[in-house]
Amino acid sequence: MKFHLLTLFPDACDAYLSASIIGRARKDKKITISFQNPRDFVSNKWGKVDERPYGGGPGMVMQAMPIVRAAERALRIPRSPRRGTVKKSIVIWFSPSAKQFTNKDADALAKYDHIVLVCGRYEGIDERAKTILKTLAPVKEFAVGEAVYTGGEVPALAIVDAVTRRLPGVLGKDESVEERRIASRAVYTRPEIIEFKGKKYRVPKVLQTGHHARIDAWRKKR
Protein backbone atom coordinates (compact mmCIF):
# COMPACT_ATOMS: atom_id res chain seq x y z
CA MET A 1 0.00 0.00 0.00
CA LYS A 2 1.15 3.51 -0.78
CA PHE A 3 0.04 6.65 1.04
CA HIS A 4 0.42 10.00 -0.73
CA LEU A 5 0.24 13.07 1.53
CA LEU A 6 -0.44 16.43 -0.10
CA THR A 7 0.96 18.78 2.53
CA LEU A 8 2.87 22.04 3.01
CA PHE A 9 4.76 20.41 5.90
CA PRO A 10 6.19 17.05 4.74
CA ASP A 11 9.04 17.10 7.27
CA ALA A 12 6.65 17.37 10.20
CA CYS A 13 4.64 14.41 8.92
CA ASP A 14 7.67 12.32 8.06
CA ALA A 15 8.97 12.51 11.63
CA TYR A 16 5.88 10.77 12.99
CA LEU A 17 5.67 8.30 10.09
CA SER A 18 9.30 7.23 10.61
CA ALA A 19 8.81 6.16 14.23
CA SER A 20 7.57 3.04 16.01
CA ILE A 21 5.21 0.63 14.23
CA ILE A 22 4.65 2.87 11.21
CA GLY A 23 8.37 3.41 10.74
CA ARG A 24 8.97 -0.33 10.94
CA ALA A 25 6.21 -0.98 8.39
CA ARG A 26 7.93 1.44 6.01
CA LYS A 27 11.32 -0.20 6.57
CA ASP A 28 9.81 -3.64 5.94
CA LYS A 29 8.07 -2.29 2.81
CA LYS A 30 4.60 -3.09 4.10
CA ILE A 31 3.74 0.49 3.16
CA THR A 32 5.39 3.36 1.31
CA ILE A 33 4.88 7.06 1.93
CA SER A 34 5.24 9.86 -0.60
CA PHE A 35 4.80 13.60 -0.17
CA GLN A 36 3.62 16.18 -2.66
CA ASN A 37 4.04 19.80 -1.59
CA PRO A 38 1.51 22.14 -3.26
CA ARG A 39 4.20 24.86 -3.26
CA ASP A 40 6.02 22.83 -5.91
CA PHE A 41 3.09 23.27 -8.29
CA VAL A 42 2.65 27.04 -8.37
CA SER A 43 3.61 29.41 -11.17
CA ASN A 44 4.81 32.30 -8.96
CA LYS A 45 8.40 32.62 -7.74
CA TRP A 46 7.43 32.98 -4.08
CA GLY A 47 5.77 29.57 -3.67
CA LYS A 48 2.53 31.32 -2.72
CA VAL A 49 -0.43 28.93 -2.50
CA ASP A 50 -3.07 31.07 -0.78
CA GLU A 51 -5.28 34.03 -1.65
CA ARG A 52 -7.99 36.12 0.02
CA PRO A 53 -11.46 34.53 -0.02
CA TYR A 54 -14.17 35.70 -2.40
CA GLY A 55 -17.11 37.17 -0.50
CA GLY A 56 -14.86 38.41 2.29
CA GLY A 57 -14.07 36.84 5.61
CA PRO A 58 -11.00 36.23 7.78
CA GLY A 59 -7.82 34.45 6.79
CA MET A 60 -6.62 33.05 3.50
CA VAL A 61 -7.77 30.17 1.30
CA MET A 62 -5.55 27.61 -0.41
CA GLN A 63 -5.78 27.80 -4.20
CA ALA A 64 -7.33 24.90 -6.08
CA MET A 65 -4.80 24.23 -8.84
CA PRO A 66 -1.68 23.55 -6.70
CA ILE A 67 -3.75 20.90 -4.91
CA VAL A 68 -5.06 19.44 -8.18
CA ARG A 69 -1.60 19.31 -9.76
CA ALA A 70 -0.12 17.70 -6.63
CA ALA A 71 -2.87 15.07 -6.71
CA GLU A 72 -2.26 14.46 -10.42
CA ARG A 73 1.39 13.74 -9.65
CA ALA A 74 0.44 11.38 -6.84
CA LEU A 75 -2.07 9.56 -9.04
CA ARG A 76 0.44 8.73 -11.75
CA ILE A 77 0.05 5.12 -10.71
CA PRO A 78 1.66 2.32 -12.75
CA ARG A 79 -0.43 -0.55 -14.00
CA SER A 80 -0.39 -3.87 -12.22
CA PRO A 81 2.26 -6.12 -13.84
CA ARG A 82 0.06 -9.18 -13.28
CA ARG A 83 -3.33 -8.05 -14.52
CA GLY A 84 -2.46 -5.02 -16.61
CA THR A 85 -5.08 -3.01 -14.73
CA VAL A 86 -4.83 0.29 -12.92
CA LYS A 87 -4.34 -0.19 -9.19
CA LYS A 88 -7.17 0.81 -6.86
CA SER A 89 -6.86 4.39 -5.59
CA ILE A 90 -8.90 6.87 -3.51
CA VAL A 91 -8.59 10.51 -2.45
CA ILE A 92 -9.34 11.50 1.16
CA TRP A 93 -10.63 15.03 1.80
CA PHE A 94 -10.97 16.35 5.36
CA SER A 95 -13.86 18.43 6.66
CA PRO A 96 -14.99 19.03 10.27
CA SER A 97 -18.60 18.54 9.15
CA ALA A 98 -17.99 15.26 7.30
CA LYS A 99 -18.63 11.71 8.51
CA GLN A 100 -16.52 10.71 11.50
CA PHE A 101 -13.71 8.31 10.60
CA THR A 102 -14.13 4.91 12.29
CA ASN A 103 -12.41 1.53 12.55
CA LYS A 104 -14.86 0.26 9.93
CA ASP A 105 -13.66 2.97 7.54
CA ALA A 106 -10.05 2.01 8.26
CA ASP A 107 -10.84 -1.60 7.33
CA ALA A 108 -12.41 -0.40 4.06
CA LEU A 109 -9.41 1.79 3.18
CA ALA A 110 -7.03 -1.09 3.87
CA LYS A 111 -8.32 -2.68 0.65
CA TYR A 112 -6.93 0.12 -1.53
CA ASP A 113 -3.51 0.19 -3.18
CA HIS A 114 -3.10 3.99 -3.14
CA ILE A 115 -4.55 6.50 -0.70
CA VAL A 116 -4.13 10.23 -1.42
CA LEU A 117 -4.65 12.41 1.66
CA VAL A 118 -5.30 16.12 1.05
CA CYS A 119 -4.04 18.23 3.98
CA GLY A 120 -5.60 21.67 3.93
CA ARG A 121 -4.38 24.77 5.80
CA TYR A 122 -5.48 28.32 6.58
CA GLU A 123 -9.26 28.77 6.14
CA GLY A 124 -9.47 25.72 3.88
CA ILE A 125 -9.07 24.80 0.22
CA ASP A 126 -10.92 26.32 -2.73
CA GLU A 127 -13.94 23.99 -3.14
CA ARG A 128 -13.28 23.65 -6.87
CA ALA A 129 -10.26 21.49 -6.04
CA LYS A 130 -12.54 18.80 -4.61
CA THR A 131 -14.83 19.02 -7.65
CA ILE A 132 -11.89 18.52 -10.03
CA LEU A 133 -10.35 15.74 -7.92
CA LYS A 134 -13.56 13.74 -8.35
CA THR A 135 -12.76 13.53 -12.07
CA LEU A 136 -9.41 11.90 -11.25
CA ALA A 137 -10.37 9.35 -8.60
CA PRO A 138 -13.12 8.59 -6.06
CA VAL A 139 -13.15 11.14 -3.23
CA LYS A 140 -14.16 10.28 0.34
CA GLU A 141 -14.71 12.96 2.98
CA PHE A 142 -13.94 12.36 6.66
CA ALA A 143 -13.70 14.20 9.96
CA VAL A 144 -11.21 12.81 12.45
CA GLY A 145 -12.46 13.74 15.88
CA GLU A 146 -14.90 16.52 16.70
CA ALA A 147 -12.30 19.27 17.12
CA VAL A 148 -11.08 21.66 14.42
CA TYR A 149 -7.33 21.42 13.74
CA THR A 150 -4.87 23.94 12.32
CA GLY A 151 -4.38 21.73 9.28
CA GLY A 152 -5.18 18.37 7.76
CA GLU A 153 -1.88 16.79 8.76
CA VAL A 154 -3.06 15.47 12.14
CA PRO A 155 -6.14 13.73 10.63
CA ALA A 156 -4.00 12.37 7.78
CA LEU A 157 -1.47 10.87 10.19
CA ALA A 158 -4.30 9.32 12.20
CA ILE A 159 -5.68 7.63 9.09
CA VAL A 160 -2.26 6.35 7.96
CA ASP A 161 -1.76 4.93 11.46
CA ALA A 162 -5.21 3.31 11.71
CA VAL A 163 -5.04 1.75 8.24
CA THR A 164 -1.42 0.57 8.45
CA ARG A 165 -1.90 -1.40 11.66
CA ARG A 166 -4.62 -3.42 9.90
CA LEU A 167 -2.34 -4.63 7.12
CA PRO A 168 -1.16 -8.25 7.35
CA GLY A 169 2.15 -8.61 9.14
CA VAL A 170 2.39 -5.06 10.46
CA LEU A 171 1.50 -5.94 14.07
CA GLY A 172 2.77 -9.50 13.89
CA LYS A 173 -0.54 -11.02 15.03
CA ASP A 174 -4.03 -10.07 13.87
CA GLU A 175 -5.25 -10.26 17.49
CA SER A 176 -3.01 -7.28 18.27
CA VAL A 177 -5.63 -5.07 16.60
CA GLU A 178 -7.54 -4.20 19.78
CA GLU A 179 -11.00 -3.85 18.25
CA ARG A 180 -10.78 -7.40 16.83
CA ARG A 181 -10.48 -8.98 20.28
CA ILE A 182 -11.91 -8.62 23.75
CA ALA A 183 -9.97 -5.69 25.16
CA SER A 184 -10.34 -3.38 28.11
CA ARG A 185 -9.23 0.22 28.15
CA ALA A 186 -7.75 -0.56 31.58
CA VAL A 187 -4.44 -2.44 31.24
CA TYR A 188 -1.84 -3.38 33.86
CA THR A 189 1.77 -4.55 34.00
CA ARG A 190 4.44 -5.26 36.63
CA PRO A 191 4.97 -4.63 39.48
CA GLU A 192 1.89 -6.25 41.00
CA ILE A 193 1.69 -3.65 43.77
CA ILE A 194 2.51 0.05 43.49
CA GLU A 195 2.79 2.08 46.68
CA PHE A 196 2.32 5.84 46.54
CA LYS A 197 2.03 8.14 49.56
CA GLY A 198 1.17 5.27 51.87
CA LYS A 199 -1.52 3.77 49.67
CA LYS A 200 -1.21 0.50 47.75
CA TYR A 201 -2.49 0.07 44.21
CA ARG A 202 -2.89 -3.55 43.11
CA VAL A 203 -3.39 -5.39 39.84
CA PRO A 204 -6.89 -6.96 39.76
CA LYS A 205 -6.70 -10.54 41.00
CA VAL A 206 -8.64 -11.94 38.05
CA LEU A 207 -5.83 -10.93 35.68
CA GLN A 208 -3.42 -13.10 37.64
CA THR A 209 -5.54 -16.27 37.59
CA GLY A 210 -4.69 -17.45 34.09
CA HIS A 211 -8.39 -18.31 33.69
CA HIS A 212 -9.08 -16.96 30.19
CA ALA A 213 -12.87 -17.18 30.36
CA ARG A 214 -12.96 -15.18 33.59
CA ILE A 215 -10.47 -12.66 32.23
CA ASP A 216 -12.54 -12.19 29.05
CA ALA A 217 -15.69 -11.73 31.14
CA TRP A 218 -13.91 -9.10 33.24
CA ARG A 219 -12.72 -7.29 30.11
CA LYS A 220 -16.22 -7.31 28.64
CA LYS A 221 -17.55 -5.62 31.78
CA ARG A 222 -14.82 -2.99 31.57
C-alpha atoms as a PDB file:
ATOM      1  CA  MET A   1       0.000   0.000   0.000  1.00  0.00           C
ATOM      2  CA  LYS A   2       1.150   3.510  -0.785  1.00  0.00           C
ATOM      3  CA  PHE A   3       0.040   6.650   1.043  1.00  0.00           C
ATOM      4  CA  HIS A   4       0.424   9.997  -0.726  1.00  0.00           C
ATOM      5  CA  LEU A   5       0.241  13.067   1.530  1.00  0.00           C
ATOM      6  CA  LEU A   6      -0.443  16.433  -0.096  1.00  0.00           C
ATOM      7  CA  THR A   7       0.959  18.779   2.526  1.00  0.00           C
ATOM      8  CA  LEU A   8       2.868  22.042   3.007  1.00  0.00           C
ATOM      9  CA  PHE A   9       4.763  20.410   5.895  1.00  0.00           C
ATOM     10  CA  PRO A  10       6.190  17.053   4.741  1.00  0.00           C
ATOM     11  CA  ASP A  11       9.040  17.100   7.268  1.00  0.00           C
ATOM     12  CA  ALA A  12       6.650  17.365  10.203  1.00  0.00           C
ATOM     13  CA  CYS A  13       4.641  14.409   8.919  1.00  0.00           C
ATOM     14  CA  ASP A  14       7.672  12.322   8.062  1.00  0.00           C
ATOM     15  CA  ALA A  15       8.974  12.510  11.632  1.00  0.00           C
ATOM     16  CA  TYR A  16       5.877  10.766  12.985  1.00  0.00           C
ATOM     17  CA  LEU A  17       5.673   8.303  10.092  1.00  0.00           C
ATOM     18  CA  SER A  18       9.297   7.227  10.613  1.00  0.00           C
ATOM     19  CA  ALA A  19       8.812   6.157  14.235  1.00  0.00           C
ATOM     20  CA  SER A  20       7.573   3.043  16.014  1.00  0.00           C
ATOM     21  CA  ILE A  21       5.213   0.628  14.226  1.00  0.00           C
ATOM     22  CA  ILE A  22       4.645   2.874  11.209  1.00  0.00           C
ATOM     23  CA  GLY A  23       8.366   3.410  10.739  1.00  0.00           C
ATOM     24  CA  ARG A  24       8.974  -0.332  10.943  1.00  0.00           C
ATOM     25  CA  ALA A  25       6.215  -0.976   8.392  1.00  0.00           C
ATOM     26  CA  ARG A  26       7.934   1.442   6.015  1.00  0.00           C
ATOM     27  CA  LYS A  27      11.316  -0.198   6.575  1.00  0.00           C
ATOM     28  CA  ASP A  28       9.813  -3.644   5.940  1.00  0.00           C
ATOM     29  CA  LYS A  29       8.074  -2.294   2.814  1.00  0.00           C
ATOM     30  CA  LYS A  30       4.598  -3.088   4.098  1.00  0.00           C
ATOM     31  CA  ILE A  31       3.736   0.491   3.164  1.00  0.00           C
ATOM     32  CA  THR A  32       5.386   3.355   1.312  1.00  0.00           C
ATOM     33  CA  ILE A  33       4.883   7.063   1.935  1.00  0.00           C
ATOM     34  CA  SER A  34       5.243   9.863  -0.595  1.00  0.00           C
ATOM     35  CA  PHE A  35       4.801  13.598  -0.166  1.00  0.00           C
ATOM     36  CA  GLN A  36       3.623  16.177  -2.660  1.00  0.00           C
ATOM     37  CA  ASN A  37       4.038  19.798  -1.586  1.00  0.00           C
ATOM     38  CA  PRO A  38       1.510  22.136  -3.262  1.00  0.00           C
ATOM     39  CA  ARG A  39       4.196  24.856  -3.255  1.00  0.00           C
ATOM     40  CA  ASP A  40       6.020  22.826  -5.907  1.00  0.00           C
ATOM     41  CA  PHE A  41       3.086  23.266  -8.286  1.00  0.00           C
ATOM     42  CA  VAL A  42       2.648  27.045  -8.373  1.00  0.00           C
ATOM     43  CA  SER A  43       3.611  29.415 -11.167  1.00  0.00           C
ATOM     44  CA  ASN A  44       4.809  32.304  -8.956  1.00  0.00           C
ATOM     45  CA  LYS A  45       8.402  32.624  -7.742  1.00  0.00           C
ATOM     46  CA  TRP A  46       7.434  32.980  -4.079  1.00  0.00           C
ATOM     47  CA  GLY A  47       5.766  29.571  -3.671  1.00  0.00           C
ATOM     48  CA  LYS A  48       2.533  31.322  -2.718  1.00  0.00           C
ATOM     49  CA  VAL A  49      -0.427  28.925  -2.504  1.00  0.00           C
ATOM     50  CA  ASP A  50      -3.065  31.073  -0.776  1.00  0.00           C
ATOM     51  CA  GLU A  51      -5.280  34.032  -1.648  1.00  0.00           C
ATOM     52  CA  ARG A  52      -7.994  36.122   0.017  1.00  0.00           C
ATOM     53  CA  PRO A  53     -11.460  34.529  -0.022  1.00  0.00           C
ATOM     54  CA  TYR A  54     -14.170  35.696  -2.397  1.00  0.00           C
ATOM     55  CA  GLY A  55     -17.106  37.167  -0.503  1.00  0.00           C
ATOM     56  CA  GLY A  56     -14.860  38.409   2.288  1.00  0.00           C
ATOM     57  CA  GLY A  57     -14.069  36.838   5.614  1.00  0.00           C
ATOM     58  CA  PRO A  58     -10.998  36.234   7.776  1.00  0.00           C
ATOM     59  CA  GLY A  59      -7.823  34.452   6.794  1.00  0.00           C
ATOM     60  CA  MET A  60      -6.616  33.052   3.501  1.00  0.00           C
ATOM     61  CA  VAL A  61      -7.766  30.166   1.304  1.00  0.00           C
ATOM     62  CA  MET A  62      -5.546  27.607  -0.413  1.00  0.00           C
ATOM     63  CA  GLN A  63      -5.778  27.805  -4.196  1.00  0.00           C
ATOM     64  CA  ALA A  64      -7.326  24.895  -6.077  1.00  0.00           C
ATOM     65  CA  MET A  65      -4.795  24.229  -8.836  1.00  0.00           C
ATOM     66  CA  PRO A  66      -1.683  23.547  -6.705  1.00  0.00           C
ATOM     67  CA  ILE A  67      -3.749  20.897  -4.912  1.00  0.00           C
ATOM     68  CA  VAL A  68      -5.058  19.444  -8.178  1.00  0.00           C
ATOM     69  CA  ARG A  69      -1.600  19.310  -9.757  1.00  0.00           C
ATOM     70  CA  ALA A  70      -0.116  17.703  -6.629  1.00  0.00           C
ATOM     71  CA  ALA A  71      -2.872  15.071  -6.713  1.00  0.00           C
ATOM     72  CA  GLU A  72      -2.257  14.461 -10.417  1.00  0.00           C
ATOM     73  CA  ARG A  73       1.390  13.743  -9.648  1.00  0.00           C
ATOM     74  CA  ALA A  74       0.443  11.379  -6.837  1.00  0.00           C
ATOM     75  CA  LEU A  75      -2.071   9.565  -9.038  1.00  0.00           C
ATOM     76  CA  ARG A  76       0.443   8.733 -11.753  1.00  0.00           C
ATOM     77  CA  ILE A  77       0.051   5.119 -10.709  1.00  0.00           C
ATOM     78  CA  PRO A  78       1.658   2.321 -12.751  1.00  0.00           C
ATOM     79  CA  ARG A  79      -0.433  -0.551 -14.005  1.00  0.00           C
ATOM     80  CA  SER A  80      -0.389  -3.871 -12.223  1.00  0.00           C
ATOM     81  CA  PRO A  81       2.260  -6.125 -13.837  1.00  0.00           C
ATOM     82  CA  ARG A  82       0.064  -9.185 -13.281  1.00  0.00           C
ATOM     83  CA  ARG A  83      -3.328  -8.052 -14.524  1.00  0.00           C
ATOM     84  CA  GLY A  84      -2.458  -5.020 -16.613  1.00  0.00           C
ATOM     85  CA  THR A  85      -5.076  -3.007 -14.725  1.00  0.00           C
ATOM     86  CA  VAL A  86      -4.826   0.295 -12.916  1.00  0.00           C
ATOM     87  CA  LYS A  87      -4.344  -0.187  -9.185  1.00  0.00           C
ATOM     88  CA  LYS A  88      -7.175   0.815  -6.859  1.00  0.00           C
ATOM     89  CA  SER A  89      -6.863   4.387  -5.586  1.00  0.00           C
ATOM     90  CA  ILE A  90      -8.901   6.867  -3.513  1.00  0.00           C
ATOM     91  CA  VAL A  91      -8.591  10.511  -2.452  1.00  0.00           C
ATOM     92  CA  ILE A  92      -9.339  11.499   1.156  1.00  0.00           C
ATOM     93  CA  TRP A  93     -10.633  15.027   1.799  1.00  0.00           C
ATOM     94  CA  PHE A  94     -10.965  16.351   5.355  1.00  0.00           C
ATOM     95  CA  SER A  95     -13.858  18.429   6.657  1.00  0.00           C
ATOM     96  CA  PRO A  96     -14.990  19.026  10.272  1.00  0.00           C
ATOM     97  CA  SER A  97     -18.605  18.536   9.153  1.00  0.00           C
ATOM     98  CA  ALA A  98     -17.990  15.263   7.302  1.00  0.00           C
ATOM     99  CA  LYS A  99     -18.629  11.708   8.509  1.00  0.00           C
ATOM    100  CA  GLN A 100     -16.521  10.715  11.501  1.00  0.00           C
ATOM    101  CA  PHE A 101     -13.705   8.310  10.596  1.00  0.00           C
ATOM    102  CA  THR A 102     -14.128   4.908  12.288  1.00  0.00           C
ATOM    103  CA  ASN A 103     -12.407   1.528  12.546  1.00  0.00           C
ATOM    104  CA  LYS A 104     -14.858   0.261   9.930  1.00  0.00           C
ATOM    105  CA  ASP A 105     -13.664   2.969   7.545  1.00  0.00           C
ATOM    106  CA  ALA A 106     -10.055   2.009   8.265  1.00  0.00           C
ATOM    107  CA  ASP A 107     -10.844  -1.601   7.330  1.00  0.00           C
ATOM    108  CA  ALA A 108     -12.410  -0.403   4.061  1.00  0.00           C
ATOM    109  CA  LEU A 109      -9.412   1.793   3.184  1.00  0.00           C
ATOM    110  CA  ALA A 110      -7.034  -1.087   3.874  1.00  0.00           C
ATOM    111  CA  LYS A 111      -8.324  -2.678   0.653  1.00  0.00           C
ATOM    112  CA  TYR A 112      -6.934   0.120  -1.530  1.00  0.00           C
ATOM    113  CA  ASP A 113      -3.506   0.194  -3.176  1.00  0.00           C
ATOM    114  CA  HIS A 114      -3.098   3.986  -3.143  1.00  0.00           C
ATOM    115  CA  ILE A 115      -4.553   6.505  -0.697  1.00  0.00           C
ATOM    116  CA  VAL A 116      -4.125  10.228  -1.419  1.00  0.00           C
ATOM    117  CA  LEU A 117      -4.649  12.413   1.664  1.00  0.00           C
ATOM    118  CA  VAL A 118      -5.299  16.122   1.051  1.00  0.00           C
ATOM    119  CA  CYS A 119      -4.042  18.229   3.978  1.00  0.00           C
ATOM    120  CA  GLY A 120      -5.598  21.673   3.934  1.00  0.00           C
ATOM    121  CA  ARG A 121      -4.383  24.768   5.804  1.00  0.00           C
ATOM    122  CA  TYR A 122      -5.484  28.319   6.580  1.00  0.00           C
ATOM    123  CA  GLU A 123      -9.260  28.767   6.142  1.00  0.00           C
ATOM    124  CA  GLY A 124      -9.469  25.719   3.884  1.00  0.00           C
ATOM    125  CA  ILE A 125      -9.069  24.798   0.223  1.00  0.00           C
ATOM    126  CA  ASP A 126     -10.918  26.318  -2.733  1.00  0.00           C
ATOM    127  CA  GLU A 127     -13.937  23.987  -3.138  1.00  0.00           C
ATOM    128  CA  ARG A 128     -13.283  23.649  -6.865  1.00  0.00           C
ATOM    129  CA  ALA A 129     -10.257  21.494  -6.045  1.00  0.00           C
ATOM    130  CA  LYS A 130     -12.539  18.799  -4.611  1.00  0.00           C
ATOM    131  CA  THR A 131     -14.828  19.022  -7.654  1.00  0.00           C
ATOM    132  CA  ILE A 132     -11.888  18.524 -10.027  1.00  0.00           C
ATOM    133  CA  LEU A 133     -10.349  15.736  -7.924  1.00  0.00           C
ATOM    134  CA  LYS A 134     -13.558  13.736  -8.348  1.00  0.00           C
ATOM    135  CA  THR A 135     -12.759  13.532 -12.070  1.00  0.00           C
ATOM    136  CA  LEU A 136      -9.405  11.901 -11.255  1.00  0.00           C
ATOM    137  CA  ALA A 137     -10.369   9.346  -8.599  1.00  0.00           C
ATOM    138  CA  PRO A 138     -13.115   8.585  -6.057  1.00  0.00           C
ATOM    139  CA  VAL A 139     -13.153  11.145  -3.234  1.00  0.00           C
ATOM    140  CA  LYS A 140     -14.163  10.276   0.336  1.00  0.00           C
ATOM    141  CA  GLU A 141     -14.715  12.956   2.981  1.00  0.00           C
ATOM    142  CA  PHE A 142     -13.937  12.361   6.656  1.00  0.00           C
ATOM    143  CA  ALA A 143     -13.704  14.197   9.955  1.00  0.00           C
ATOM    144  CA  VAL A 144     -11.205  12.809  12.446  1.00  0.00           C
ATOM    145  CA  GLY A 145     -12.459  13.736  15.883  1.00  0.00           C
ATOM    146  CA  GLU A 146     -14.896  16.520  16.703  1.00  0.00           C
ATOM    147  CA  ALA A 147     -12.301  19.271  17.115  1.00  0.00           C
ATOM    148  CA  VAL A 148     -11.080  21.657  14.416  1.00  0.00           C
ATOM    149  CA  TYR A 149      -7.330  21.424  13.740  1.00  0.00           C
ATOM    150  CA  THR A 150      -4.870  23.938  12.323  1.00  0.00           C
ATOM    151  CA  GLY A 151      -4.376  21.733   9.284  1.00  0.00           C
ATOM    152  CA  GLY A 152      -5.179  18.371   7.762  1.00  0.00           C
ATOM    153  CA  GLU A 153      -1.876  16.789   8.758  1.00  0.00           C
ATOM    154  CA  VAL A 154      -3.055  15.467  12.138  1.00  0.00           C
ATOM    155  CA  PRO A 155      -6.136  13.732  10.628  1.00  0.00           C
ATOM    156  CA  ALA A 156      -4.005  12.373   7.781  1.00  0.00           C
ATOM    157  CA  LEU A 157      -1.468  10.872  10.192  1.00  0.00           C
ATOM    158  CA  ALA A 158      -4.301   9.322  12.197  1.00  0.00           C
ATOM    159  CA  ILE A 159      -5.679   7.626   9.091  1.00  0.00           C
ATOM    160  CA  VAL A 160      -2.264   6.345   7.965  1.00  0.00           C
ATOM    161  CA  ASP A 161      -1.759   4.929  11.461  1.00  0.00           C
ATOM    162  CA  ALA A 162      -5.208   3.313  11.710  1.00  0.00           C
ATOM    163  CA  VAL A 163      -5.035   1.750   8.243  1.00  0.00           C
ATOM    164  CA  THR A 164      -1.419   0.571   8.449  1.00  0.00           C
ATOM    165  CA  ARG A 165      -1.905  -1.400  11.660  1.00  0.00           C
ATOM    166  CA  ARG A 166      -4.624  -3.425   9.905  1.00  0.00           C
ATOM    167  CA  LEU A 167      -2.343  -4.634   7.121  1.00  0.00           C
ATOM    168  CA  PRO A 168      -1.159  -8.253   7.348  1.00  0.00           C
ATOM    169  CA  GLY A 169       2.151  -8.612   9.136  1.00  0.00           C
ATOM    170  CA  VAL A 170       2.389  -5.059  10.460  1.00  0.00           C
ATOM    171  CA  LEU A 171       1.502  -5.935  14.073  1.00  0.00           C
ATOM    172  CA  GLY A 172       2.768  -9.498  13.892  1.00  0.00           C
ATOM    173  CA  LYS A 173      -0.543 -11.019  15.031  1.00  0.00           C
ATOM    174  CA  ASP A 174      -4.032 -10.068  13.874  1.00  0.00           C
ATOM    175  CA  GLU A 175      -5.246 -10.256  17.489  1.00  0.00           C
ATOM    176  CA  SER A 176      -3.008  -7.282  18.270  1.00  0.00           C
ATOM    177  CA  VAL A 177      -5.631  -5.071  16.600  1.00  0.00           C
ATOM    178  CA  GLU A 178      -7.545  -4.204  19.779  1.00  0.00           C
ATOM    179  CA  GLU A 179     -11.002  -3.852  18.247  1.00  0.00           C
ATOM    180  CA  ARG A 180     -10.779  -7.401  16.832  1.00  0.00           C
ATOM    181  CA  ARG A 181     -10.476  -8.985  20.278  1.00  0.00           C
ATOM    182  CA  ILE A 182     -11.907  -8.620  23.749  1.00  0.00           C
ATOM    183  CA  ALA A 183      -9.974  -5.694  25.157  1.00  0.00           C
ATOM    184  CA  SER A 184     -10.345  -3.383  28.108  1.00  0.00           C
ATOM    185  CA  ARG A 185      -9.227   0.218  28.154  1.00  0.00           C
ATOM    186  CA  ALA A 186      -7.751  -0.560  31.579  1.00  0.00           C
ATOM    187  CA  VAL A 187      -4.442  -2.440  31.243  1.00  0.00           C
ATOM    188  CA  TYR A 188      -1.836  -3.383  33.857  1.00  0.00           C
ATOM    189  CA  THR A 189       1.773  -4.554  34.001  1.00  0.00           C
ATOM    190  CA  ARG A 190       4.444  -5.262  36.630  1.00  0.00           C
ATOM    191  CA  PRO A 191       4.966  -4.634  39.480  1.00  0.00           C
ATOM    192  CA  GLU A 192       1.886  -6.249  40.996  1.00  0.00           C
ATOM    193  CA  ILE A 193       1.693  -3.652  43.774  1.00  0.00           C
ATOM    194  CA  ILE A 194       2.514   0.054  43.492  1.00  0.00           C
ATOM    195  CA  GLU A 195       2.790   2.078  46.685  1.00  0.00           C
ATOM    196  CA  PHE A 196       2.316   5.840  46.540  1.00  0.00           C
ATOM    197  CA  LYS A 197       2.028   8.141  49.562  1.00  0.00           C
ATOM    198  CA  GLY A 198       1.173   5.274  51.875  1.00  0.00           C
ATOM    199  CA  LYS A 199      -1.524   3.772  49.671  1.00  0.00           C
ATOM    200  CA  LYS A 200      -1.207   0.502  47.755  1.00  0.00           C
ATOM    201  CA  TYR A 201      -2.487   0.074  44.213  1.00  0.00           C
ATOM    202  CA  ARG A 202      -2.888  -3.554  43.113  1.00  0.00           C
ATOM    203  CA  VAL A 203      -3.388  -5.390  39.836  1.00  0.00           C
ATOM    204  CA  PRO A 204      -6.893  -6.962  39.756  1.00  0.00           C
ATOM    205  CA  LYS A 205      -6.702 -10.539  41.004  1.00  0.00           C
ATOM    206  CA  VAL A 206      -8.640 -11.940  38.048  1.00  0.00           C
ATOM    207  CA  LEU A 207      -5.831 -10.935  35.678  1.00  0.00           C
ATOM    208  CA  GLN A 208      -3.419 -13.104  37.637  1.00  0.00           C
ATOM    209  CA  THR A 209      -5.543 -16.274  37.591  1.00  0.00           C
ATOM    210  CA  GLY A 210      -4.693 -17.450  34.085  1.00  0.00           C
ATOM    211  CA  HIS A 211      -8.389 -18.309  33.688  1.00  0.00           C
ATOM    212  CA  HIS A 212      -9.081 -16.958  30.191  1.00  0.00           C
ATOM    213  CA  ALA A 213     -12.870 -17.180  30.361  1.00  0.00           C
ATOM    214  CA  ARG A 214     -12.963 -15.178  33.591  1.00  0.00           C
ATOM    215  CA  ILE A 215     -10.470 -12.658  32.233  1.00  0.00           C
ATOM    216  CA  ASP A 216     -12.536 -12.191  29.052  1.00  0.00           C
ATOM    217  CA  ALA A 217     -15.691 -11.734  31.143  1.00  0.00           C
ATOM    218  CA  TRP A 218     -13.912  -9.097  33.242  1.00  0.00           C
ATOM    219  CA  ARG A 219     -12.721  -7.293  30.112  1.00  0.00           C
ATOM    220  CA  LYS A 220     -16.225  -7.309  28.640  1.00  0.00           C
ATOM    221  CA  LYS A 221     -17.547  -5.624  31.777  1.00  0.00           C
ATOM    222  CA  ARG A 222     -14.816  -2.986  31.565  1.00  0.00           C
END
